[in-house]
Amino acid sequence: MTILASSFMILSICGCWRPPSWSLSFYKRLAYNLYTIFVAFLVSSLSLSQAIGILVNEDDSSDSSDDIYVFFAELISCFKMLSLMVNRNEIVNLIGTLTQEPYEPSDDVETRIQVKFDKWSRLNTHCYVLLLSSSVASFSSLSLVTNLTKRQLTFRAWLPFDNNVTTYVFYLTYFHQILAFLIGAALHVALDCLIFGFLIHVCCQIKILENRLTKITNENKPVLKLCIRHHDCIYKFANNVIKMFEFTIFIQFFITTSTVCFTLYQLTKVSPISFECVKILLYMCCILTQVYLYCWYGSLIETKSQEISMTIFNIDWITLSDDIRKTLLFMMKRTMKPIVFVVIRILPVNLDSFVSVSIPIPIIPERRSHTLSIMSLILGA
């Protein structure tokens, strides 16, 4: 599967996408299915133990607020894994449509356009993986320095046993949390990069359509028919991507908004030069980057879909027949309703939404100066 190859490789590592070559062997299928169950157990068990731990410590607001923002991240990773497993067949169908007419490139120019966007998709995936990997590595390293040496678990969680009974039990529990945390981060990367890749391919198809529109002449009417069908298919493809993942993205935005509140509150309680402050800032950068990329690509496909009308406008209308002109006018009218990334029919995924999510939450007055000093360090003031 060459389309979005980097994204599907990450999905395979996360246990969410069995490699096609493994489907031919019963033992390989069985091994991968067991691996998927193992991954699901790791992530869900950490989320469940954190949830129970928060409920058990509900009277201790300090401990609970420390745990909630990490629990939210693990909870989203569970939703993302579930979304990938449920929508597997639909994802396969979407990939298949990109290799068929009218999506498939028909000449060298269109092939170069697709290669360009494929490189963009790979670069986006690699940069995103690097960002989250560096943050997760820093988070884990800080835990090794601050928690492991003190025989403390990375995350406070409820356990049906005493993790300090023996050294073996403690280390097993500690590395269970670290491994589950790493896999949860990988699940975030896997689904995010897959969705970003699909949105990049929407932009790619719009660019291919614009190239085809420039070839319309009175003698080349089949190209006009192809453009009409291609234009309609692009809208359907984009809507299928949005509908497939809209619930997961809605949960992402809803929980991220809450997480921003908790992390800002946490910043008021820690020293600007402490390990805990660094850990919170790394986490904050990751979740805001996640939301920003969703919003940026949402705004991008909306803008690109509107630019189709300008391409049609720049065609040499004088040489075209009346029938072709009328058809092009209908296409221009269709572009007046661009592709808008809206989830659950209430939340537009664009840069305006990002501003709404990331806008600073009012801070407790007596802690405001302390938080401002932290933010000054971030901005290099």
Protein backbone atom coordinates (compact mmCIF):
# COMPACT_ATOMS: atom_id res chain seq x y z
CA MET A 1 0.00 0.00 0.00
CA THR A 2 2.04 2.95 -1.29
CA ILE A 3 -0.49 5.69 -0.48
CA LEU A 4 0.22 7.09 3.02
CA ALA A 5 2.84 4.38 3.53
CA SER A 6 4.44 6.12 6.54
CA SER A 7 1.10 6.46 8.32
CA PHE A 8 0.20 2.81 7.77
CA MET A 9 3.61 1.72 9.05
CA ILE A 10 2.92 3.54 12.32
CA LEU A 11 -0.55 1.99 12.43
CA SER A 12 1.02 -1.45 12.07
CA ILE A 13 3.41 -0.77 14.96
CA CYS A 14 0.45 0.28 17.11
CA GLY A 15 -1.37 -2.98 16.41
CA CYS A 16 -4.15 -1.28 14.46
CA TRP A 17 -3.27 -2.35 10.92
CA ARG A 18 -2.13 -5.84 10.05
CA PRO A 19 0.41 -5.73 7.18
CA PRO A 20 -1.12 -7.17 3.96
CA SER A 21 1.68 -9.75 3.70
CA TRP A 22 0.71 -11.13 7.12
CA SER A 23 -2.84 -11.85 5.99
CA LEU A 24 -1.68 -14.83 3.91
CA SER A 25 -0.42 -16.84 6.87
CA PHE A 26 -2.71 -18.15 9.62
CA TYR A 27 0.06 -18.01 12.23
CA LYS A 28 1.02 -14.45 11.33
CA ARG A 29 -2.62 -13.37 11.50
CA LEU A 30 -2.96 -15.03 14.89
CA ALA A 31 0.26 -13.45 16.17
CA TYR A 32 -0.79 -9.97 15.04
CA ASN A 33 -4.29 -10.37 16.51
CA LEU A 34 -2.73 -11.32 19.85
CA TYR A 35 -0.43 -8.30 19.59
CA THR A 36 -3.46 -6.06 18.96
CA ILE A 37 -5.18 -7.46 22.06
CA PHE A 38 -1.99 -6.86 24.08
CA VAL A 39 -1.79 -3.22 22.93
CA ALA A 40 -5.48 -2.64 23.67
CA PHE A 41 -5.03 -4.15 27.13
CA LEU A 42 -2.03 -1.94 27.94
CA VAL A 43 -3.70 1.32 26.94
CA SER A 44 -7.14 0.57 28.39
CA SER A 45 -5.76 -0.80 31.67
CA LEU A 46 -3.74 2.37 32.27
CA SER A 47 -6.76 4.57 31.47
CA LEU A 48 -9.03 2.51 33.72
CA SER A 49 -6.60 2.51 36.65
CA GLN A 50 -6.14 6.28 36.31
CA ALA A 51 -9.91 6.85 36.17
CA ILE A 52 -10.49 4.80 39.34
CA GLY A 53 -7.55 6.55 41.00
CA ILE A 54 -9.08 9.96 40.27
CA LEU A 55 -12.45 8.85 41.70
CA VAL A 56 -10.81 7.36 44.80
CA ASN A 57 -8.86 10.61 45.39
CA GLU A 58 -11.78 12.91 44.61
CA ASP A 59 -11.45 14.57 48.02
CA ASP A 60 -7.82 15.49 47.27
CA SER A 61 -8.16 18.17 44.57
CA SER A 62 -4.38 18.62 44.35
CA ASP A 63 -3.71 14.98 43.49
CA SER A 64 -6.69 14.78 41.15
CA SER A 65 -5.69 17.83 39.13
CA ASP A 66 -2.19 16.37 38.71
CA ASP A 67 -3.65 13.20 37.21
CA ILE A 68 -6.54 14.43 35.08
CA TYR A 69 -4.63 16.02 32.20
CA VAL A 70 -2.58 12.84 31.63
CA PHE A 71 -5.70 10.68 31.97
CA PHE A 72 -7.39 12.74 29.25
CA ALA A 73 -4.55 12.01 26.82
CA GLU A 74 -4.77 8.26 27.49
CA LEU A 75 -8.55 8.36 27.15
CA ILE A 76 -8.29 9.98 23.70
CA SER A 77 -5.78 7.34 22.61
CA CYS A 78 -8.35 4.65 23.52
CA PHE A 79 -10.96 6.42 21.41
CA LYS A 80 -8.51 6.67 18.52
CA MET A 81 -7.64 2.98 18.61
CA LEU A 82 -11.34 2.09 18.70
CA SER A 83 -12.01 4.43 15.77
CA LEU A 84 -9.25 2.81 13.71
CA MET A 85 -10.52 -0.70 14.39
CA VAL A 86 -14.18 0.15 13.68
CA ASN A 87 -13.45 2.09 10.47
CA ARG A 88 -10.86 -0.28 9.00
CA ASN A 89 -12.98 -1.32 6.00
CA GLU A 90 -13.95 2.28 5.23
CA ILE A 91 -10.28 3.30 5.35
CA VAL A 92 -9.42 0.51 2.90
CA ASN A 93 -12.18 1.74 0.57
CA LEU A 94 -10.92 5.33 0.71
CA ILE A 95 -7.40 4.22 -0.16
CA GLY A 96 -8.79 2.13 -3.00
CA THR A 97 -10.71 5.04 -4.51
CA LEU A 98 -7.52 7.12 -4.76
CA THR A 99 -6.10 4.54 -7.18
CA GLN A 100 -9.14 4.64 -9.48
CA GLU A 101 -10.55 7.08 -12.00
CA PRO A 102 -11.13 10.02 -11.70
CA TYR A 103 -8.65 10.34 -8.81
CA GLU A 104 -5.79 8.52 -10.52
CA PRO A 105 -3.30 10.72 -12.44
CA SER A 106 -3.77 10.50 -16.21
CA ASP A 107 -0.54 12.11 -17.46
CA ASP A 108 2.97 13.11 -16.41
CA VAL A 109 1.91 16.52 -15.10
CA GLU A 110 -0.70 15.00 -12.79
CA THR A 111 1.76 12.33 -11.69
CA ARG A 112 4.25 15.04 -10.69
CA ILE A 113 1.49 16.80 -8.75
CA GLN A 114 0.72 13.62 -6.84
CA VAL A 115 4.40 12.93 -6.15
CA LYS A 116 4.75 16.45 -4.77
CA PHE A 117 1.83 16.01 -2.37
CA ASP A 118 3.03 12.52 -1.38
CA LYS A 119 6.36 14.06 -0.35
CA TRP A 120 4.47 16.72 1.60
CA SER A 121 2.48 14.01 3.39
CA ARG A 122 5.64 12.07 4.29
CA LEU A 123 7.41 15.20 5.51
CA ASN A 124 4.38 16.12 7.61
CA THR A 125 4.31 12.62 9.14
CA HIS A 126 8.04 12.56 9.89
CA CYS A 127 8.03 16.03 11.48
CA TYR A 128 4.97 15.21 13.56
CA VAL A 129 6.52 11.93 14.72
CA LEU A 130 9.74 13.77 15.61
CA LEU A 131 7.86 16.40 17.63
CA LEU A 132 5.80 13.96 19.67
CA SER A 133 8.66 11.48 20.02
CA SER A 134 10.98 14.14 21.44
CA SER A 135 8.28 15.26 23.88
CA VAL A 136 7.46 11.70 24.96
CA ALA A 137 11.16 10.85 25.29
CA SER A 138 11.72 13.93 27.45
CA PHE A 139 8.66 13.09 29.55
CA SER A 140 9.84 9.51 30.06
CA SER A 141 13.42 10.59 30.84
CA LEU A 142 12.19 13.04 33.46
CA SER A 143 10.16 10.23 34.98
CA LEU A 144 13.23 7.99 35.16
CA VAL A 145 15.16 10.74 36.93
CA THR A 146 12.45 11.96 39.30
CA ASN A 147 10.16 8.95 39.88
CA LEU A 148 12.16 5.75 39.43
CA THR A 149 14.94 6.82 41.78
CA LYS A 150 12.32 7.54 44.48
CA ARG A 151 10.40 4.32 43.80
CA GLN A 152 7.34 6.28 42.69
CA LEU A 153 5.08 5.40 39.77
CA THR A 154 5.00 7.79 36.82
CA PHE A 155 1.22 8.24 37.10
CA ARG A 156 -0.91 8.01 40.20
CA ALA A 157 -3.39 5.20 39.63
CA TRP A 158 -5.53 2.74 41.53
CA LEU A 159 -4.06 -0.77 41.64
CA PRO A 160 -5.64 -3.95 43.04
CA PHE A 161 -2.35 -4.70 44.80
CA ASP A 162 0.45 -2.92 46.66
CA ASN A 163 3.06 -2.04 44.05
CA ASN A 164 5.76 -1.75 46.74
CA VAL A 165 5.39 -5.31 48.03
CA THR A 166 8.56 -6.34 46.21
CA THR A 167 11.05 -4.64 43.92
CA TYR A 168 9.97 -6.92 41.07
CA VAL A 169 6.30 -5.88 41.41
CA PHE A 170 7.21 -2.19 41.50
CA TYR A 171 9.40 -2.33 38.39
CA LEU A 172 6.80 -4.38 36.52
CA THR A 173 4.09 -1.84 37.37
CA TYR A 174 6.34 1.11 36.57
CA PHE A 175 7.33 -0.16 33.12
CA HIS A 176 3.71 -1.13 32.40
CA GLN A 177 2.77 2.53 32.84
CA ILE A 178 5.68 3.76 30.72
CA LEU A 179 4.99 1.27 27.92
CA ALA A 180 1.26 2.06 27.92
CA PHE A 181 2.09 5.78 27.81
CA LEU A 182 4.44 5.30 24.83
CA ILE A 183 1.88 3.23 22.92
CA GLY A 184 -0.82 5.79 23.70
CA ALA A 185 1.37 8.52 22.21
CA ALA A 186 1.99 6.35 19.13
CA LEU A 187 -1.78 5.92 18.69
CA HIS A 188 -2.17 9.69 18.69
CA VAL A 189 0.50 9.98 16.00
CA ALA A 190 -0.98 7.14 13.94
CA LEU A 191 -4.53 8.44 13.62
CA ASP A 192 -3.55 12.10 13.39
CA CYS A 193 -1.11 11.45 10.53
CA LEU A 194 -3.68 9.28 8.74
CA ILE A 195 -6.30 12.06 8.86
CA PHE A 196 -3.75 14.72 7.86
CA GLY A 197 -2.70 12.47 4.97
CA PHE A 198 -6.27 12.16 3.71
CA LEU A 199 -6.74 15.94 3.90
CA ILE A 200 -3.48 16.45 1.98
CA HIS A 201 -4.81 14.10 -0.70
CA VAL A 202 -7.97 16.22 -0.92
CA CYS A 203 -5.73 19.21 -1.70
CA CYS A 204 -3.83 17.05 -4.20
CA GLN A 205 -7.04 16.11 -6.02
CA ILE A 206 -8.10 19.76 -6.17
CA LYS A 207 -4.75 20.63 -7.78
CA ILE A 208 -5.17 17.81 -10.31
CA LEU A 209 -8.69 19.07 -11.09
CA GLU A 210 -7.36 22.58 -11.67
CA ASN A 211 -4.82 21.17 -14.12
CA ARG A 212 -7.59 19.36 -16.00
CA LEU A 213 -9.76 22.46 -16.16
CA THR A 214 -7.06 24.28 -18.12
CA LYS A 215 -7.35 21.63 -20.88
CA ILE A 216 -11.03 22.24 -21.63
CA THR A 217 -11.71 23.18 -25.26
CA ASN A 218 -14.60 22.81 -27.70
CA GLU A 219 -12.85 19.84 -29.28
CA ASN A 220 -12.01 18.16 -25.93
CA LYS A 221 -15.44 17.73 -24.34
CA PRO A 222 -14.56 14.42 -22.59
CA VAL A 223 -12.22 16.44 -20.35
CA LEU A 224 -15.17 18.62 -19.29
CA LYS A 225 -17.19 15.53 -18.34
CA LEU A 226 -14.21 14.18 -16.43
CA CYS A 227 -13.82 17.49 -14.55
CA ILE A 228 -17.49 17.52 -13.56
CA ARG A 229 -17.30 13.99 -12.21
CA HIS A 230 -13.94 14.62 -10.54
CA HIS A 231 -15.25 17.76 -8.83
CA ASP A 232 -18.22 15.86 -7.42
CA CYS A 233 -16.00 12.95 -6.31
CA ILE A 234 -13.64 15.29 -4.44
CA TYR A 235 -16.54 16.63 -2.37
CA LYS A 236 -17.75 13.09 -1.64
CA PHE A 237 -14.26 11.92 -0.67
CA ALA A 238 -13.75 14.84 1.71
CA ASN A 239 -17.17 14.33 3.30
CA ASN A 240 -16.44 10.62 3.80
CA VAL A 241 -13.18 11.42 5.59
CA ILE A 242 -14.91 13.97 7.82
CA LYS A 243 -17.84 11.70 8.69
CA MET A 244 -15.56 8.75 9.41
CA PHE A 245 -13.50 10.53 12.06
CA GLU A 246 -15.79 13.36 13.20
CA PHE A 247 -16.69 11.84 16.58
CA THR A 248 -13.05 11.16 17.47
CA ILE A 249 -12.04 14.69 16.42
CA PHE A 250 -14.92 16.15 18.45
CA ILE A 251 -13.72 14.23 21.53
CA GLN A 252 -10.19 15.51 20.81
CA PHE A 253 -11.35 19.15 20.75
CA PHE A 254 -13.65 18.80 23.75
CA ILE A 255 -11.03 17.15 25.94
CA THR A 256 -8.25 19.46 24.72
CA THR A 257 -10.26 22.48 25.84
CA SER A 258 -10.59 20.95 29.31
CA THR A 259 -6.93 19.97 29.32
CA VAL A 260 -5.83 23.53 28.60
CA CYS A 261 -7.70 24.59 31.74
CA PHE A 262 -6.04 21.93 33.89
CA THR A 263 -2.52 22.50 32.56
CA LEU A 264 -2.76 26.26 33.06
CA TYR A 265 -3.92 25.61 36.60
CA GLN A 266 -1.01 23.23 37.12
CA LEU A 267 1.43 25.92 35.98
CA THR A 268 0.27 28.12 38.86
CA LYS A 269 1.38 25.49 41.37
CA VAL A 270 4.89 24.63 40.18
CA SER A 271 8.22 26.41 40.10
CA PRO A 272 9.22 27.81 36.66
CA ILE A 273 12.55 25.96 36.84
CA SER A 274 11.22 22.60 38.07
CA PHE A 275 11.04 19.29 36.20
CA GLU A 276 7.27 19.33 36.65
CA CYS A 277 7.02 22.67 34.83
CA VAL A 278 9.04 21.31 31.90
CA LYS A 279 6.82 18.22 31.76
CA ILE A 280 3.62 20.29 31.70
CA LEU A 281 4.96 22.65 29.03
CA LEU A 282 5.97 19.74 26.78
CA TYR A 283 2.52 18.26 27.18
CA MET A 284 0.89 21.63 26.45
CA CYS A 285 2.93 22.06 23.26
CA CYS A 286 1.90 18.62 22.01
CA ILE A 287 -1.84 19.01 22.50
CA LEU A 288 -1.89 22.51 21.00
CA THR A 289 0.15 21.30 18.01
CA GLN A 290 -2.36 18.49 17.50
CA VAL A 291 -5.31 20.85 17.44
CA TYR A 292 -3.47 23.43 15.34
CA LEU A 293 -2.68 20.92 12.58
CA TYR A 294 -6.30 19.77 12.42
CA CYS A 295 -7.46 23.37 12.19
CA TRP A 296 -4.78 24.36 9.67
CA TYR A 297 -5.64 21.52 7.29
CA GLY A 298 -9.35 22.23 7.78
CA SER A 299 -8.80 25.84 6.73
CA LEU A 300 -6.53 24.74 3.87
CA ILE A 301 -9.06 22.45 2.17
CA GLU A 302 -11.72 25.15 2.55
CA THR A 303 -9.47 27.71 0.86
CA LYS A 304 -8.32 25.32 -1.87
CA SER A 305 -11.90 24.32 -2.73
CA GLN A 306 -12.78 28.00 -3.16
CA GLU A 307 -9.81 28.54 -5.50
CA ILE A 308 -11.37 26.22 -8.09
CA SER A 309 -13.70 29.05 -9.13
CA MET A 310 -10.70 31.28 -9.86
CA THR A 311 -9.18 28.57 -12.06
CA ILE A 312 -12.47 28.32 -13.98
CA PHE A 313 -12.59 32.11 -14.26
CA ASN A 314 -9.12 32.17 -15.85
CA ILE A 315 -10.15 29.79 -18.65
CA ASP A 316 -10.39 31.33 -22.13
CA TRP A 317 -14.18 31.65 -22.15
CA ILE A 318 -14.36 33.46 -25.48
CA THR A 319 -13.35 30.38 -27.45
CA LEU A 320 -15.81 28.06 -25.66
CA SER A 321 -19.32 27.15 -26.78
CA ASP A 322 -22.42 28.23 -24.86
CA ASP A 323 -23.04 24.71 -23.50
CA ILE A 324 -19.55 24.50 -22.03
CA ARG A 325 -19.88 27.98 -20.53
CA LYS A 326 -23.16 27.05 -18.82
CA THR A 327 -21.58 23.89 -17.42
CA LEU A 328 -18.61 25.84 -16.07
CA LEU A 329 -20.97 28.36 -14.47
CA PHE A 330 -22.68 25.52 -12.62
CA MET A 331 -19.28 24.34 -11.38
CA MET A 332 -18.44 27.86 -10.21
CA LYS A 333 -21.73 28.01 -8.35
CA ARG A 334 -20.88 24.73 -6.63
CA THR A 335 -17.56 26.16 -5.42
CA MET A 336 -19.46 28.94 -3.64
CA LYS A 337 -20.20 26.23 -1.06
CA PRO A 338 -16.65 25.11 -0.23
CA ILE A 339 -15.54 21.96 1.58
CA VAL A 340 -15.97 22.86 5.24
CA PHE A 341 -14.51 20.59 7.91
CA VAL A 342 -17.35 20.46 10.47
CA VAL A 343 -17.65 17.75 13.12
CA ILE A 344 -20.96 16.74 14.71
CA ARG A 345 -22.49 19.60 12.65
CA ILE A 346 -21.59 22.12 15.34
CA LEU A 347 -17.80 22.49 15.44
CA PRO A 348 -15.98 23.94 12.41
CA VAL A 349 -12.37 22.74 12.32
CA ASN A 350 -10.49 25.84 11.21
CA LEU A 351 -8.04 28.40 12.55
CA ASP A 352 -10.81 30.39 14.24
CA SER A 353 -11.67 27.30 16.28
CA PHE A 354 -8.01 26.91 17.23
CA VAL A 355 -7.97 30.43 18.63
CA SER A 356 -11.11 29.62 20.62
CA VAL A 357 -9.59 26.44 22.07
CA SER A 358 -6.15 27.83 22.86
CA ILE A 359 -7.16 31.24 24.25
CA PRO A 360 -5.85 31.58 27.81
CA ILE A 361 -8.34 30.70 30.54
CA PRO A 362 -8.79 33.31 33.33
CA ILE A 363 -6.33 32.55 36.12
CA ILE A 364 -6.82 32.76 39.86
CA PRO A 365 -5.80 36.35 40.82
CA GLU A 366 -3.25 35.46 43.48
CA ARG A 367 -1.53 33.02 41.08
CA ARG A 368 -1.59 35.26 38.04
CA SER A 369 1.83 36.88 38.54
CA HIS A 370 3.42 33.44 39.08
CA THR A 371 1.90 32.12 35.83
CA LEU A 372 2.95 35.25 33.93
CA SER A 373 6.54 34.70 35.03
CA ILE A 374 6.39 31.15 33.63
CA MET A 375 4.92 32.38 30.35
CA SER A 376 7.64 35.04 30.17
CA LEU A 377 10.27 32.31 30.34
CA ILE A 378 8.49 30.44 27.53
CA LEU A 379 8.43 33.50 25.30
CA GLY A 380 12.02 34.37 26.12
CA ALA A 381 11.02 37.65 27.68
